[in-house]
Amino acid sequence: MPLTDKNWKEKQAELELRCTVARYENPTAKKIIGISIGSNADDDSCFDICSLYIPEIDEDFIREVMEIKKELGYFTNTIVSNSVDFRK
C-alpha cells in the first residue's frame, strides 16, 4: 500500500482493512502480512506493518469484507498469476 499525504492520518486503519480483504481473497492463507511504504512530509522514508491471523472465515467476516470492498473498492480488479511472463 503506498503512503501519500491523502492517506497519512488513516494509514494504519487502511492497511488493516486492506489486509482483511486480502485474507478473504486468499482463502488458504490464514496469516496475512501487509506493508505500507512511503515518505512523510519531511521526505523521511517510513513504513507500517500489519499482521493478521484469521484461521477461519465465517459469514460475519464475509459480510464485513463485502462492505469494505463495496465502500472502499479494495481489490476489486485484482489479477493473480503464477506466470513468469506476468511478473516482467
Protein backbone atom coordinates (compact mmCIF):
# COMPACT_ATOMS: atom_id res chain seq x y z
CA MET A 1 0.00 0.00 0.00
CA PRO A 2 1.59 3.31 -1.00
CA LEU A 3 1.60 6.13 1.55
CA THR A 4 0.72 9.65 0.46
CA ASP A 5 -0.47 12.89 2.06
CA LYS A 6 -4.03 11.78 1.22
CA ASN A 7 -3.95 8.69 3.46
CA TRP A 8 -1.27 9.61 6.03
CA LYS A 9 -3.57 10.04 9.05
CA GLU A 10 -5.61 6.92 8.28
CA LYS A 11 -2.72 4.74 7.09
CA GLN A 12 -2.80 2.15 9.87
CA ALA A 13 -6.56 1.62 9.67
CA GLU A 14 -6.42 1.48 5.87
CA LEU A 15 -3.65 -1.12 5.94
CA GLU A 16 -5.64 -3.29 8.36
CA LEU A 17 -8.74 -3.06 6.16
CA ARG A 18 -6.70 -3.98 3.09
CA CYS A 19 -5.22 -6.97 4.94
CA THR A 20 -8.71 -8.08 5.98
CA VAL A 21 -9.83 -8.09 2.36
CA ALA A 22 -6.60 -9.81 1.31
CA ARG A 23 -7.38 -12.62 3.77
CA TYR A 24 -10.76 -13.14 2.13
CA GLU A 25 -9.23 -13.03 -1.35
CA ASN A 26 -6.67 -15.69 -0.35
CA PRO A 27 -8.77 -18.36 1.37
CA THR A 28 -5.87 -20.74 2.06
CA ALA A 29 -3.69 -18.06 3.70
CA LYS A 30 -4.52 -17.96 7.41
CA LYS A 31 -1.77 -15.39 8.04
CA ILE A 32 -1.65 -12.08 6.18
CA ILE A 33 1.17 -9.57 6.39
CA GLY A 34 0.69 -6.14 4.86
CA ILE A 35 3.31 -3.44 4.40
CA SER A 36 2.78 0.20 3.57
CA ILE A 37 5.77 2.15 2.26
CA GLY A 38 6.19 5.85 1.69
CA SER A 39 7.65 9.14 2.83
CA ASN A 40 6.38 11.59 5.40
CA ALA A 41 6.10 15.37 4.98
CA ASP A 42 9.84 15.71 5.73
CA ASP A 43 10.62 13.18 2.96
CA ASP A 44 11.79 10.59 5.51
CA SER A 45 11.15 7.01 4.44
CA CYS A 46 8.66 5.18 6.60
CA PHE A 47 6.57 2.04 6.66
CA ASP A 48 3.84 0.30 8.62
CA ILE A 49 3.36 -3.42 9.03
CA CYS A 50 0.10 -5.22 9.74
CA SER A 51 -0.07 -8.90 10.64
CA LEU A 52 -3.39 -10.75 10.82
CA TYR A 53 -4.05 -14.33 11.79
CA ILE A 54 -7.57 -15.39 10.85
CA PRO A 55 -7.78 -19.19 10.85
CA GLU A 56 -11.44 -19.42 9.84
CA ILE A 57 -13.67 -17.32 7.62
CA ASP A 58 -17.29 -17.16 8.77
CA GLU A 59 -20.39 -15.44 7.42
CA ASP A 60 -19.88 -12.33 9.60
CA PHE A 61 -16.34 -11.95 8.26
CA ILE A 62 -17.56 -12.30 4.67
CA ARG A 63 -20.26 -9.65 5.22
CA GLU A 64 -17.66 -7.27 6.69
CA VAL A 65 -15.30 -7.82 3.74
CA MET A 66 -18.06 -7.29 1.19
CA GLU A 67 -18.95 -3.99 2.86
CA ILE A 68 -15.29 -2.89 2.82
CA LYS A 69 -14.95 -3.81 -0.85
CA LYS A 70 -18.22 -2.04 -1.72
CA GLU A 71 -17.41 1.17 0.17
CA LEU A 72 -13.67 1.42 -0.47
CA GLY A 73 -13.12 -0.60 -3.62
CA TYR A 74 -10.17 -2.58 -2.28
CA PHE A 75 -9.05 -5.46 -4.52
CA THR A 76 -11.91 -5.01 -6.96
CA ASN A 77 -9.82 -5.66 -10.08
CA THR A 78 -7.10 -7.98 -8.84
CA ILE A 79 -5.06 -10.23 -11.06
CA VAL A 80 -3.30 -13.23 -9.56
CA SER A 81 -0.83 -15.08 -11.71
CA ASN A 82 1.99 -17.51 -11.22
CA SER A 83 3.23 -16.81 -14.73
CA VAL A 84 6.82 -15.63 -15.05
CA ASP A 85 5.73 -13.51 -18.03
CA PHE A 86 3.22 -11.63 -15.88
CA ARG A 87 5.95 -10.53 -13.44
CA LYS A 88 8.03 -8.74 -16.09
